[in-house]
Amino acid sequence: MTLVRPAHTSTIGYWKYMRRYGVIIHHAAALVIARRAIGFKERITGELKQKIQAVKEKLNRKVNSLPGEGKGMTRKVKRLFNRLDEKIPVYNGLDRFKQESFYSVWHDLKQLALSSR
């Protein structure tokens, strides 16, 4: 039996597998844990980049709509997008420990998912 760090498994499952396979987030997280136990890395795919871009465009459209509270991007979300723009291009080349670290892309994606609900 291989011990696997469960860091960011729910976030990875949310962004990559939940909608694709039509499962709840807990099952998607279990899939991520199983993939780690086998030895797979979780890469940033083109599909995931498109999802992030869609969220960014959705928030930008809200900025241009009627004024009101809770519309558009906050400064925190803008900072998240700026950090993601720096991290995503280099993420796939990192070793597994660095990919799973606290200040990884997945941490920022978790914050983005929580902020943009």
PDB file of N, CA and C in Angstrom:
ATOM      1  N   MET A   1       0.847  -1.179   0.000  1.00  0.00           N
ATOM      2  CA  MET A   1       0.000   0.000   0.000  1.00  0.00           C
ATOM      3  C   MET A   1       0.890   1.239   0.000  1.00  0.00           C
ATOM      4  N   THR A   2       0.577   2.186  -0.860  1.00  0.00           N
ATOM      5  CA  THR A   2       1.338   3.422  -0.984  1.00  0.00           C
ATOM      6  C   THR A   2       0.625   4.535  -0.243  1.00  0.00           C
ATOM      7  N   LEU A   3       1.366   5.271   0.585  1.00  0.00           N
ATOM      8  CA  LEU A   3       0.789   6.431   1.261  1.00  0.00           C
ATOM      9  C   LEU A   3       0.789   7.602   0.288  1.00  0.00           C
ATOM     10  N   VAL A   4      -0.311   8.344   0.250  1.00  0.00           N
ATOM     11  CA  VAL A   4      -0.481   9.442  -0.685  1.00  0.00           C
ATOM     12  C   VAL A   4      -0.895  10.686   0.085  1.00  0.00           C
ATOM     13  N   ARG A   5      -0.230  11.805  -0.211  1.00  0.00           N
ATOM     14  CA  ARG A   5      -0.629  13.074   0.402  1.00  0.00           C
ATOM     15  C   ARG A   5      -1.951  13.529  -0.213  1.00  0.00           C
ATOM     16  N   PRO A   6      -2.937  13.839   0.608  1.00  0.00           N
ATOM     17  CA  PRO A   6      -4.231  14.246   0.065  1.00  0.00           C
ATOM     18  C   PRO A   6      -4.340  15.736  -0.249  1.00  0.00           C
ATOM     19  N   ALA A   7      -3.216  16.438  -0.297  1.00  0.00           N
ATOM     20  CA  ALA A   7      -3.243  17.889  -0.521  1.00  0.00           C
ATOM     21  C   ALA A   7      -3.900  18.238  -1.851  1.00  0.00           C
ATOM     22  N   HIS A   8      -4.892  19.103  -1.781  1.00  0.00           N
ATOM     23  CA  HIS A   8      -5.579  19.672  -2.942  1.00  0.00           C
ATOM     24  C   HIS A   8      -6.348  18.666  -3.785  1.00  0.00           C
ATOM     25  N   THR A   9      -6.643  17.483  -3.266  1.00  0.00           N
ATOM     26  CA  THR A   9      -7.329  16.486  -4.077  1.00  0.00           C
ATOM     27  C   THR A   9      -8.757  16.907  -4.412  1.00  0.00           C
ATOM     28  N   SER A  10      -9.444  17.560  -3.489  1.00  0.00           N
ATOM     29  CA  SER A  10     -10.805  18.023  -3.776  1.00  0.00           C
ATOM     30  C   SER A  10     -10.806  19.087  -4.858  1.00  0.00           C
ATOM     31  N   THR A  11      -9.825  19.986  -4.811  1.00  0.00           N
ATOM     32  CA  THR A  11      -9.738  21.045  -5.811  1.00  0.00           C
ATOM     33  C   THR A  11      -9.431  20.470  -7.186  1.00  0.00           C
ATOM     34  N   ILE A  12      -8.483  19.553  -7.248  1.00  0.00           N
ATOM     35  CA  ILE A  12      -8.139  18.929  -8.527  1.00  0.00           C
ATOM     36  C   ILE A  12      -9.338  18.159  -9.058  1.00  0.00           C
ATOM     37  N   GLY A  13     -10.005  17.424  -8.180  1.00  0.00           N
ATOM     38  CA  GLY A  13     -11.194  16.688  -8.586  1.00  0.00           C
ATOM     39  C   GLY A  13     -12.294  17.605  -9.092  1.00  0.00           C
ATOM     40  N   TYR A  14     -12.463  18.743  -8.434  1.00  0.00           N
ATOM     41  CA  TYR A  14     -13.489  19.714  -8.845  1.00  0.00           C
ATOM     42  C   TYR A  14     -13.214  20.243 -10.247  1.00  0.00           C
ATOM     43  N   TRP A  15     -11.980  20.680 -10.493  1.00  0.00           N
ATOM     44  CA  TRP A  15     -11.647  21.311 -11.767  1.00  0.00           C
ATOM     45  C   TRP A  15     -11.488  20.316 -12.912  1.00  0.00           C
ATOM     46  N   LYS A  16     -11.011  19.104 -12.621  1.00  0.00           N
ATOM     47  CA  LYS A  16     -10.664  18.211 -13.719  1.00  0.00           C
ATOM     48  C   LYS A  16     -11.628  17.055 -13.950  1.00  0.00           C
ATOM     49  N   TYR A  17     -12.226  16.491 -12.899  1.00  0.00           N
ATOM     50  CA  TYR A  17     -12.933  15.227 -13.072  1.00  0.00           C
ATOM     51  C   TYR A  17     -14.418  15.245 -12.723  1.00  0.00           C
ATOM     52  N   MET A  18     -14.867  16.183 -11.902  1.00  0.00           N
ATOM     53  CA  MET A  18     -16.229  16.154 -11.416  1.00  0.00           C
ATOM     54  C   MET A  18     -17.248  16.226 -12.564  1.00  0.00           C
ATOM     55  N   ARG A  19     -17.132  17.205 -13.403  1.00  0.00           N
ATOM     56  CA  ARG A  19     -18.089  17.348 -14.510  1.00  0.00           C
ATOM     57  C   ARG A  19     -17.829  16.322 -15.610  1.00  0.00           C
ATOM     58  N   ARG A  20     -16.557  16.020 -15.841  1.00  0.00           N
ATOM     59  CA  ARG A  20     -16.207  15.080 -16.913  1.00  0.00           C
ATOM     60  C   ARG A  20     -16.863  13.726 -16.698  1.00  0.00           C
ATOM     61  N   TYR A  21     -16.824  13.232 -15.459  1.00  0.00           N
ATOM     62  CA  TYR A  21     -17.360  11.909 -15.176  1.00  0.00           C
ATOM     63  C   TYR A  21     -18.729  11.934 -14.491  1.00  0.00           C
ATOM     64  N   GLY A  22     -19.233  13.120 -14.174  1.00  0.00           N
ATOM     65  CA  GLY A  22     -20.552  13.233 -13.559  1.00  0.00           C
ATOM     66  C   GLY A  22     -20.613  12.643 -12.162  1.00  0.00           C
ATOM     67  N   VAL A  23     -19.577  12.863 -11.372  1.00  0.00           N
ATOM     68  CA  VAL A  23     -19.532  12.332 -10.012  1.00  0.00           C
ATOM     69  C   VAL A  23     -19.496  13.490  -9.025  1.00  0.00           C
ATOM     70  N   ILE A  24     -19.755  13.175  -7.762  1.00  0.00           N
ATOM     71  CA  ILE A  24     -19.674  14.211  -6.734  1.00  0.00           C
ATOM     72  C   ILE A  24     -18.204  14.486  -6.433  1.00  0.00           C
ATOM     73  N   ILE A  25     -17.962  15.578  -5.758  1.00  0.00           N
ATOM     74  CA  ILE A  25     -16.591  16.035  -5.534  1.00  0.00           C
ATOM     75  C   ILE A  25     -15.765  15.030  -4.723  1.00  0.00           C
ATOM     76  N   HIS A  26     -16.388  14.318  -3.810  1.00  0.00           N
ATOM     77  CA  HIS A  26     -15.657  13.357  -2.986  1.00  0.00           C
ATOM     78  C   HIS A  26     -15.142  12.183  -3.824  1.00  0.00           C
ATOM     79  N   HIS A  27     -15.955  11.743  -4.775  1.00  0.00           N
ATOM     80  CA  HIS A  27     -15.512  10.667  -5.666  1.00  0.00           C
ATOM     81  C   HIS A  27     -14.406  11.157  -6.596  1.00  0.00           C
ATOM     82  N   ALA A  28     -14.512  12.412  -7.042  1.00  0.00           N
ATOM     83  CA  ALA A  28     -13.465  12.984  -7.888  1.00  0.00           C
ATOM     84  C   ALA A  28     -12.154  13.093  -7.109  1.00  0.00           C
ATOM     85  N   ALA A  29     -12.232  13.458  -5.827  1.00  0.00           N
ATOM     86  CA  ALA A  29     -11.033  13.531  -4.996  1.00  0.00           C
ATOM     87  C   ALA A  29     -10.428  12.144  -4.792  1.00  0.00           C
ATOM     88  N   ALA A  30     -11.275  11.139  -4.634  1.00  0.00           N
ATOM     89  CA  ALA A  30     -10.783   9.769  -4.498  1.00  0.00           C
ATOM     90  C   ALA A  30     -10.075   9.318  -5.780  1.00  0.00           C
ATOM     91  N   LEU A  31     -10.582   9.743  -6.921  1.00  0.00           N
ATOM     92  CA  LEU A  31      -9.922   9.440  -8.189  1.00  0.00           C
ATOM     93  C   LEU A  31      -8.528  10.057  -8.239  1.00  0.00           C
ATOM     94  N   VAL A  32      -8.401  11.289  -7.755  1.00  0.00           N
ATOM     95  CA  VAL A  32      -7.096  11.956  -7.725  1.00  0.00           C
ATOM     96  C   VAL A  32      -6.138  11.203  -6.809  1.00  0.00           C
ATOM     97  N   ILE A  33      -6.623  10.772  -5.655  1.00  0.00           N
ATOM     98  CA  ILE A  33      -5.776  10.017  -4.722  1.00  0.00           C
ATOM     99  C   ILE A  33      -5.320   8.713  -5.367  1.00  0.00           C
ATOM    100  N   ALA A  34      -6.233   8.035  -6.048  1.00  0.00           N
ATOM    101  CA  ALA A  34      -5.869   6.777  -6.720  1.00  0.00           C
ATOM    102  C   ALA A  34      -4.831   7.015  -7.813  1.00  0.00           C
ATOM    103  N   ARG A  35      -5.006   8.092  -8.574  1.00  0.00           N
ATOM    104  CA  ARG A  35      -4.037   8.411  -9.627  1.00  0.00           C
ATOM    105  C   ARG A  35      -2.653   8.701  -9.025  1.00  0.00           C
ATOM    106  N   ARG A  36      -2.624   9.403  -7.883  1.00  0.00           N
ATOM    107  CA  ARG A  36      -1.339   9.680  -7.220  1.00  0.00           C
ATOM    108  C   ARG A  36      -0.690   8.391  -6.737  1.00  0.00           C
ATOM    109  N   ALA A  37      -1.503   7.472  -6.204  1.00  0.00           N
ATOM    110  CA  ALA A  37      -0.957   6.208  -5.708  1.00  0.00           C
ATOM    111  C   ALA A  37      -0.325   5.405  -6.834  1.00  0.00           C
ATOM    112  N   ILE A  38      -0.890   5.500  -8.026  1.00  0.00           N
ATOM    113  CA  ILE A  38      -0.334   4.801  -9.181  1.00  0.00           C
ATOM    114  C   ILE A  38       0.939   5.486  -9.672  1.00  0.00           C
ATOM    115  N   GLY A  39       1.058   6.802  -9.393  1.00  0.00           N
ATOM    116  CA  GLY A  39       2.256   7.518  -9.790  1.00  0.00           C
ATOM    117  C   GLY A  39       2.045   8.600 -10.830  1.00  0.00           C
ATOM    118  N   PHE A  40       0.792   8.907 -11.168  1.00  0.00           N
ATOM    119  CA  PHE A  40       0.508   9.950 -12.144  1.00  0.00           C
ATOM    120  C   PHE A  40       0.662  11.334 -11.527  1.00  0.00           C
ATOM    121  N   LYS A  41       1.067  12.297 -12.349  1.00  0.00           N
ATOM    122  CA  LYS A  41       1.063  13.701 -11.965  1.00  0.00           C
ATOM    123  C   LYS A  41      -0.228  14.321 -12.481  1.00  0.00           C
ATOM    124  N   GLU A  42      -0.692  15.339 -11.818  1.00  0.00           N
ATOM    125  CA  GLU A  42      -1.868  16.068 -12.295  1.00  0.00           C
ATOM    126  C   GLU A  42      -1.383  17.271 -13.089  1.00  0.00           C
ATOM    127  N   ARG A  43      -1.517  17.193 -14.376  1.00  0.00           N
ATOM    128  CA  ARG A  43      -1.063  18.253 -15.269  1.00  0.00           C
ATOM    129  C   ARG A  43      -2.173  19.270 -15.515  1.00  0.00           C
ATOM    130  N   ILE A  44      -1.757  20.468 -15.877  1.00  0.00           N
ATOM    131  CA  ILE A  44      -2.691  21.502 -16.302  1.00  0.00           C
ATOM    132  C   ILE A  44      -2.951  21.255 -17.787  1.00  0.00           C
ATOM    133  N   THR A  45      -4.152  20.863 -18.114  1.00  0.00           N
ATOM    134  CA  THR A  45      -4.496  20.523 -19.490  1.00  0.00           C
ATOM    135  C   THR A  45      -5.045  21.746 -20.220  1.00  0.00           C
ATOM    136  N   GLY A  46      -5.133  21.637 -21.530  1.00  0.00           N
ATOM    137  CA  GLY A  46      -5.726  22.702 -22.325  1.00  0.00           C
ATOM    138  C   GLY A  46      -7.178  22.938 -21.955  1.00  0.00           C
ATOM    139  N   GLU A  47      -7.874  21.850 -21.635  1.00  0.00           N
ATOM    140  CA  GLU A  47      -9.274  21.951 -21.217  1.00  0.00           C
ATOM    141  C   GLU A  47      -9.409  22.775 -19.933  1.00  0.00           C
ATOM    142  N   LEU A  48      -8.509  22.557 -18.984  1.00  0.00           N
ATOM    143  CA  LEU A  48      -8.536  23.309 -17.737  1.00  0.00           C
ATOM    144  C   LEU A  48      -8.206  24.772 -17.987  1.00  0.00           C
ATOM    145  N   LYS A  49      -7.247  25.038 -18.858  1.00  0.00           N
ATOM    146  CA  LYS A  49      -6.926  26.428 -19.203  1.00  0.00           C
ATOM    147  C   LYS A  49      -8.138  27.123 -19.806  1.00  0.00           C
ATOM    148  N   GLN A  50      -8.912  26.413 -20.631  1.00  0.00           N
ATOM    149  CA  GLN A  50     -10.121  26.990 -21.221  1.00  0.00           C
ATOM    150  C   GLN A  50     -11.175  27.287 -20.152  1.00  0.00           C
ATOM    151  N   LYS A  51     -11.303  26.399 -19.158  1.00  0.00           N
ATOM    152  CA  LYS A  51     -12.257  26.639 -18.073  1.00  0.00           C
ATOM    153  C   LYS A  51     -11.877  27.895 -17.290  1.00  0.00           C
ATOM    154  N   ILE A  52     -10.584  28.052 -17.013  1.00  0.00           N
ATOM    155  CA  ILE A  52     -10.117  29.226 -16.275  1.00  0.00           C
ATOM    156  C   ILE A  52     -10.388  30.485 -17.086  1.00  0.00           C
ATOM    157  N   GLN A  53     -10.117  30.426 -18.383  1.00  0.00           N
ATOM    158  CA  GLN A  53     -10.372  31.569 -19.259  1.00  0.00           C
ATOM    159  C   GLN A  53     -11.860  31.902 -19.303  1.00  0.00           C
ATOM    160  N   ALA A  54     -12.722  30.885 -19.299  1.00  0.00           N
ATOM    161  CA  ALA A  54     -14.173  31.112 -19.314  1.00  0.00           C
ATOM    162  C   ALA A  54     -14.627  31.824 -18.038  1.00  0.00           C
ATOM    163  N   VAL A  55     -14.067  31.426 -16.888  1.00  0.00           N
ATOM    164  CA  VAL A  55     -14.401  32.098 -15.626  1.00  0.00           C
ATOM    165  C   VAL A  55     -13.946  33.549 -15.683  1.00  0.00           C
ATOM    166  N   LYS A  56     -12.754  33.785 -16.214  1.00  0.00           N
ATOM    167  CA  LYS A  56     -12.219  35.143 -16.320  1.00  0.00           C
ATOM    168  C   LYS A  56     -13.101  36.008 -17.225  1.00  0.00           C
ATOM    169  N   GLU A  57     -13.516  35.459 -18.362  1.00  0.00           N
ATOM    170  CA  GLU A  57     -14.377  36.210 -19.281  1.00  0.00           C
ATOM    171  C   GLU A  57     -15.743  36.480 -18.672  1.00  0.00           C
ATOM    172  N   LYS A  58     -16.275  35.516 -17.933  1.00  0.00           N
ATOM    173  CA  LYS A  58     -17.573  35.693 -17.278  1.00  0.00           C
ATOM    174  C   LYS A  58     -17.512  36.841 -16.276  1.00  0.00           C
ATOM    175  N   LEU A  59     -16.433  36.882 -15.502  1.00  0.00           N
ATOM    176  CA  LEU A  59     -16.289  37.952 -14.522  1.00  0.00           C
ATOM    177  C   LEU A  59     -16.055  39.299 -15.200  1.00  0.00           C
ATOM    178  N   ASN A  60     -15.341  39.315 -16.324  1.00  0.00           N
ATOM    179  CA  ASN A  60     -15.137  40.559 -17.056  1.00  0.00           C
ATOM    180  C   ASN A  60     -16.447  41.073 -17.651  1.00  0.00           C
ATOM    181  N   ARG A  61     -17.316  40.180 -18.110  1.00  0.00           N
ATOM    182  CA  ARG A  61     -18.625  40.600 -18.637  1.00  0.00           C
ATOM    183  C   ARG A  61     -19.465  41.244 -17.543  1.00  0.00           C
ATOM    184  N   LYS A  62     -19.362  40.715 -16.329  1.00  0.00           N
ATOM    185  CA  LYS A  62     -20.114  41.294 -15.219  1.00  0.00           C
ATOM    186  C   LYS A  62     -19.651  42.709 -14.911  1.00  0.00           C
ATOM    187  N   VAL A  63     -18.362  42.978 -15.101  1.00  0.00           N
ATOM    188  CA  VAL A  63     -17.822  44.312 -14.845  1.00  0.00           C
ATOM    189  C   VAL A  63     -18.486  45.316 -15.776  1.00  0.00           C
ATOM    190  N   ASN A  64     -18.732  44.919 -17.022  1.00  0.00           N
ATOM    191  CA  ASN A  64     -19.282  45.821 -18.010  1.00  0.00           C
ATOM    192  C   ASN A  64     -20.804  45.914 -17.965  1.00  0.00           C
ATOM    193  N   SER A  65     -21.453  45.188 -17.067  1.00  0.00           N
ATOM    194  CA  SER A  65     -22.904  45.248 -16.959  1.00  0.00           C
ATOM    195  C   SER A  65     -23.303  46.388 -16.021  1.00  0.00           C
ATOM    196  N   LEU A  66     -24.534  46.369 -15.594  1.00  0.00           N
ATOM    197  CA  LEU A  66     -25.027  47.426 -14.711  1.00  0.00           C
ATOM    198  C   LEU A  66     -24.229  47.484 -13.420  1.00  0.00           C
ATOM    199  N   PRO A  67     -24.042  48.697 -12.886  1.00  0.00           N
ATOM    200  CA  PRO A  67     -23.303  48.799 -11.620  1.00  0.00           C
ATOM    201  C   PRO A  67     -24.094  48.182 -10.479  1.00  0.00           C
ATOM    202  N   GLY A  68     -23.374  47.625  -9.559  1.00  0.00           N
ATOM    203  CA  GLY A  68     -24.030  47.029  -8.404  1.00  0.00           C
ATOM    204  C   GLY A  68     -23.034  46.248  -7.578  1.00  0.00           C
ATOM    205  N   GLU A  69     -23.438  45.962  -6.378  1.00  0.00           N
ATOM    206  CA  GLU A  69     -22.547  45.242  -5.489  1.00  0.00           C
ATOM    207  C   GLU A  69     -22.481  43.776  -5.874  1.00  0.00           C
ATOM    208  N   GLY A  70     -21.313  43.175  -5.754  1.00  0.00           N
ATOM    209  CA  GLY A  70     -21.161  41.767  -6.038  1.00  0.00           C
ATOM    210  C   GLY A  70     -21.006  41.450  -7.513  1.00  0.00           C
ATOM    211  N   LYS A  71     -20.754  42.456  -8.322  1.00  0.00           N
ATOM    212  CA  LYS A  71     -20.606  42.212  -9.754  1.00  0.00           C
ATOM    213  C   LYS A  71     -19.163  42.435 -10.156  1.00  0.00           C
ATOM    214  N   GLY A  72     -18.681  41.585 -11.019  1.00  0.00           N
ATOM    215  CA  GLY A  72     -17.335  41.774 -11.546  1.00  0.00           C
ATOM    216  C   GLY A  72     -16.260  41.180 -10.672  1.00  0.00           C
ATOM    217  N   MET A  73     -15.036  41.557 -10.991  1.00  0.00           N
ATOM    218  CA  MET A  73     -13.877  41.010 -10.311  1.00  0.00           C
ATOM    219  C   MET A  73     -13.453  41.885  -9.148  1.00  0.00           C
ATOM    220  N   THR A  74     -13.203  41.263  -8.035  1.00  0.00           N
ATOM    221  CA  THR A  74     -12.642  41.996  -6.902  1.00  0.00           C
ATOM    222  C   THR A  74     -11.127  42.042  -7.069  1.00  0.00           C
ATOM    223  N   ARG A  75     -10.490  42.834  -6.241  1.00  0.00           N
ATOM    224  CA  ARG A  75      -9.016  42.905  -6.302  1.00  0.00           C
ATOM    225  C   ARG A  75      -8.392  41.553  -5.986  1.00  0.00           C
ATOM    226  N   LYS A  76      -9.002  40.821  -5.064  1.00  0.00           N
ATOM    227  CA  LYS A  76      -8.486  39.500  -4.703  1.00  0.00           C
ATOM    228  C   LYS A  76      -8.517  38.551  -5.905  1.00  0.00           C
ATOM    229  N   VAL A  77      -9.621  38.565  -6.636  1.00  0.00           N
ATOM    230  CA  VAL A  77      -9.751  37.685  -7.804  1.00  0.00           C
ATOM    231  C   VAL A  77      -8.775  38.115  -8.899  1.00  0.00           C
ATOM    232  N   LYS A  78      -8.589  39.399  -9.076  1.00  0.00           N
ATOM    233  CA  LYS A  78      -7.610  39.884 -10.064  1.00  0.00           C
ATOM    234  C   LYS A  78      -6.208  39.401  -9.710  1.00  0.00           C
ATOM    235  N   ARG A  79      -5.872  39.450  -8.413  1.00  0.00           N
ATOM    236  CA  ARG A  79      -4.558  38.952  -7.971  1.00  0.00           C
ATOM    237  C   ARG A  79      -4.427  37.462  -8.242  1.00  0.00           C
ATOM    238  N   LEU A  80      -5.508  36.715  -8.012  1.00  0.00           N
ATOM    239  CA  LEU A  80      -5.477  35.274  -8.288  1.00  0.00           C
ATOM    240  C   LEU A  80      -5.206  35.006  -9.761  1.00  0.00           C
ATOM    241  N   PHE A  81      -5.889  35.734 -10.641  1.00  0.00           N
ATOM    242  CA  PHE A  81      -5.657  35.547 -12.072  1.00  0.00           C
ATOM    243  C   PHE A  81      -4.230  35.916 -12.456  1.00  0.00           C
ATOM    244  N   ASN A  82      -3.686  36.976 -11.861  1.00  0.00           N
ATOM    245  CA  ASN A  82      -2.295  37.356 -12.157  1.00  0.00           C
ATOM    246  C   ASN A  82      -1.319  36.274 -11.706  1.00  0.00           C
ATOM    247  N   ARG A  83      -1.563  35.714 -10.508  1.00  0.00           N
ATOM    248  CA  ARG A  83      -0.689  34.636 -10.025  1.00  0.00           C
ATOM    249  C   ARG A  83      -0.800  33.403 -10.907  1.00  0.00           C
ATOM    250  N   LEU A  84      -2.030  33.078 -11.319  1.00  0.00           N
ATOM    251  CA  LEU A  84      -2.229  31.914 -12.190  1.00  0.00           C
ATOM    252  C   LEU A  84      -1.536  32.111 -13.534  1.00  0.00           C
ATOM    253  N   ASP A  85      -1.571  33.327 -14.067  1.00  0.00           N
ATOM    254  CA  ASP A  85      -0.901  33.599 -15.341  1.00  0.00           C
ATOM    255  C   ASP A  85       0.607  33.354 -15.244  1.00  0.00           C
ATOM    256  N   GLU A  86       1.175  33.561 -14.053  1.00  0.00           N
ATOM    257  CA  GLU A  86       2.605  33.307 -13.842  1.00  0.00           C
ATOM    258  C   GLU A  86       2.890  31.819 -13.617  1.00  0.00           C
ATOM    259  N   LYS A  87       2.008  31.141 -12.871  1.00  0.00           N
ATOM    260  CA  LYS A  87       2.284  29.768 -12.443  1.00  0.00           C
ATOM    261  C   LYS A  87       1.936  28.704 -13.487  1.00  0.00           C
ATOM    262  N   ILE A  88       0.857  28.892 -14.216  1.00  0.00           N
ATOM    263  CA  ILE A  88       0.380  27.845 -15.127  1.00  0.00           C
ATOM    264  C   ILE A  88       1.412  27.458 -16.179  1.00  0.00           C
ATOM    265  N   PRO A  89       2.110  28.413 -16.822  1.00  0.00           N
ATOM    266  CA  PRO A  89       3.068  27.993 -17.859  1.00  0.00           C
ATOM    267  C   PRO A  89       4.210  27.106 -17.355  1.00  0.00           C
ATOM    268  N   VAL A  90       4.597  27.217 -16.084  1.00  0.00           N
ATOM    269  CA  VAL A  90       5.717  26.432 -15.569  1.00  0.00           C
ATOM    270  C   VAL A  90       5.283  25.217 -14.758  1.00  0.00           C
ATOM    271  N   TYR A  91       3.988  25.094 -14.466  1.00  0.00           N
ATOM    272  CA  TYR A  91       3.506  24.067 -13.550  1.00  0.00           C
ATOM    273  C   TYR A  91       3.841  22.652 -13.999  1.00  0.00           C
ATOM    274  N   ASN A  92       3.571  22.310 -15.250  1.00  0.00           N
ATOM    275  CA  ASN A  92       3.751  20.927 -15.697  1.00  0.00           C
ATOM    276  C   ASN A  92       5.198  20.470 -15.623  1.00  0.00           C
ATOM    277  N   GLY A  93       6.152  21.382 -15.620  1.00  0.00           N
ATOM    278  CA  GLY A  93       7.557  21.009 -15.551  1.00  0.00           C
ATOM    279  C   GLY A  93       8.088  20.795 -14.144  1.00  0.00           C
ATOM    280  N   LEU A  94       7.290  21.095 -13.130  1.00  0.00           N
ATOM    281  CA  LEU A  94       7.739  20.941 -11.744  1.00  0.00           C
ATOM    282  C   LEU A  94       7.697  19.482 -11.313  1.00  0.00           C
ATOM    283  N   ASP A  95       8.539  19.138 -10.315  1.00  0.00           N
ATOM    284  CA  ASP A  95       8.457  17.783  -9.783  1.00  0.00           C
ATOM    285  C   ASP A  95       7.197  17.657  -8.908  1.00  0.00           C
ATOM    286  N   ARG A  96       6.830  16.447  -8.574  1.00  0.00           N
ATOM    287  CA  ARG A  96       5.553  16.191  -7.921  1.00  0.00           C
ATOM    288  C   ARG A  96       5.420  16.890  -6.571  1.00  0.00           C
ATOM    289  N   PHE A  97       6.474  16.930  -5.784  1.00  0.00           N
ATOM    290  CA  PHE A  97       6.394  17.589  -4.478  1.00  0.00           C
ATOM    291  C   PHE A  97       6.060  19.071  -4.643  1.00  0.00           C
ATOM    292  N   LYS A  98       6.705  19.737  -5.598  1.00  0.00           N
ATOM    293  CA  LYS A  98       6.425  21.156  -5.816  1.00  0.00           C
ATOM    294  C   LYS A  98       5.026  21.363  -6.369  1.00  0.00           C
ATOM    295  N   GLN A  99       4.533  20.437  -7.166  1.00  0.00           N
ATOM    296  CA  GLN A  99       3.172  20.553  -7.679  1.00  0.00           C
ATOM    297  C   GLN A  99       2.148  20.452  -6.556  1.00  0.00           C
ATOM    298  N   GLU A 100       2.451  19.668  -5.544  1.00  0.00           N
ATOM    299  CA  GLU A 100       1.511  19.458  -4.448  1.00  0.00           C
ATOM    300  C   GLU A 100       1.677  20.464  -3.316  1.00  0.00           C
ATOM    301  N   SER A 101       2.641  21.372  -3.406  1.00  0.00           N
ATOM    302  CA  SER A 101       2.919  22.290  -2.302  1.00  0.00           C
ATOM    303  C   SER A 101       1.760  23.255  -2.078  1.00  0.00           C
ATOM    304  N   PHE A 102       1.756  23.879  -0.936  1.00  0.00           N
ATOM    305  CA  PHE A 102       0.659  24.758  -0.526  1.00  0.00           C
ATOM    306  C   PHE A 102       0.471  25.926  -1.470  1.00  0.00           C
ATOM    307  N   TYR A 103       1.542  26.502  -1.960  1.00  0.00           N
ATOM    308  CA  TYR A 103       1.435  27.668  -2.840  1.00  0.00           C
ATOM    309  C   TYR A 103       1.403  27.262  -4.303  1.00  0.00           C
ATOM    310  N   SER A 104       0.770  26.156  -4.578  1.00  0.00           N
ATOM    311  CA  SER A 104       0.708  25.650  -5.935  1.00  0.00           C
ATOM    312  C   SER A 104      -0.439  26.303  -6.707  1.00  0.00           C
ATOM    313  N   VAL A 105      -0.547  25.939  -7.948  1.00  0.00           N
ATOM    314  CA  VAL A 105      -1.644  26.385  -8.799  1.00  0.00           C
ATOM    315  C   VAL A 105      -2.976  25.958  -8.198  1.00  0.00           C
ATOM    316  N   TRP A 106      -3.009  24.762  -7.616  1.00  0.00           N
ATOM    317  CA  TRP A 106      -4.272  24.234  -7.096  1.00  0.00           C
ATOM    318  C   TRP A 106      -4.793  25.047  -5.929  1.00  0.00           C
ATOM    319  N   HIS A 107      -3.909  25.596  -5.126  1.00  0.00           N
ATOM    320  CA  HIS A 107      -4.340  26.454  -4.030  1.00  0.00           C
ATOM    321  C   HIS A 107      -5.028  27.695  -4.589  1.00  0.00           C
ATOM    322  N   ASP A 108      -4.437  28.295  -5.621  1.00  0.00           N
ATOM    323  CA  ASP A 108      -5.032  29.474  -6.233  1.00  0.00           C
ATOM    324  C   ASP A 108      -6.347  29.131  -6.932  1.00  0.00           C
ATOM    325  N   LEU A 109      -6.418  27.959  -7.558  1.00  0.00           N
ATOM    326  CA  LEU A 109      -7.663  27.546  -8.204  1.00  0.00           C
ATOM    327  C   LEU A 109      -8.772  27.297  -7.187  1.00  0.00           C
ATOM    328  N   LYS A 110      -8.398  26.797  -5.999  1.00  0.00           N
ATOM    329  CA  LYS A 110      -9.392  26.617  -4.939  1.00  0.00           C
ATOM    330  C   LYS A 110      -9.939  27.968  -4.508  1.00  0.00           C
ATOM    331  N   GLN A 111      -9.048  28.937  -4.314  1.00  0.00           N
ATOM    332  CA  GLN A 111      -9.481  30.272  -3.930  1.00  0.00           C
ATOM    333  C   GLN A 111     -10.365  30.903  -5.012  1.00  0.00           C
ATOM    334  N   LEU A 112     -10.012  30.671  -6.263  1.00  0.00           N
ATOM    335  CA  LEU A 112     -10.793  31.192  -7.387  1.00  0.00           C
ATOM    336  C   LEU A 112     -12.192  30.574  -7.405  1.00  0.00           C
ATOM    337  N   ALA A 113     -12.269  29.260  -7.201  1.00  0.00           N
ATOM    338  CA  ALA A 113     -13.575  28.591  -7.184  1.00  0.00           C
ATOM    339  C   ALA A 113     -14.437  29.107  -6.052  1.00  0.00           C
ATOM    340  N   LEU A 114     -13.844  29.342  -4.888  1.00  0.00           N
ATOM    341  CA  LEU A 114     -14.605  29.842  -3.754  1.00  0.00           C
ATOM    342  C   LEU A 114     -15.029  31.292  -3.951  1.00  0.00           C
ATOM    343  N   SER A 115     -14.199  32.084  -4.628  1.00  0.00           N
ATOM    344  CA  SER A 115     -14.482  33.504  -4.833  1.00  0.00           C
ATOM    345  C   SER A 115     -15.496  33.765  -5.940  1.00  0.00           C
ATOM    346  N   SER A 116     -15.553  32.876  -6.912  1.00  0.00           N
ATOM    347  CA  SER A 116     -16.380  33.165  -8.082  1.00  0.00           C
ATOM    348  C   SER A 116     -17.718  32.435  -8.072  1.00  0.00           C
ATOM    349  N   ARG A 117     -18.132  31.942  -6.941  1.00  0.00           N
ATOM    350  CA  ARG A 117     -19.439  31.245  -6.866  1.00  0.00           C
ATOM    351  C   ARG A 117     -20.559  32.232  -6.896  1.00  0.00           C
TER     352      ARG A 117
END
